[in-house]
Amino acid sequence: MPDEDMRDKIAEVQRLAVESETESVSEDGAVRVVAGPGGAVKELDLRLSAFQMSGVELGEVVTQTIKTATENADRDMSDQAGRILGAVLGGDEEEQR
């Protein structure tokens, strides 16, 4: 039974890795990114105001917004995986940090 429980928990973490996503919007609202863990960019939206920026400025805003979204997705995924696997591995979340 413990092996089956572990397999179920691992499957749940794998599902989260595929389905998990977070959204980040640039400070000026010109760029919106939806990203998953591991740097997976799922959506990139540019508002009309984004086209008024220079190419360099737009590139910097897009890059920073992607970075923020992927960092948040990675952190969320790590937290969720820790909660899911923590009970199975026999430690609480605080002990694992």
Foldseek 3Di string as FASTA:
>chain_A
DLVVLVVVLVVVLVVCQVPFWDWFAFPVRQWIWIAAEPLRTDDIDGDPVLVVDDPVVSVVRSVVRSVVGHVVNNVVSVVVSCCSCVVSVPHHSVVVD
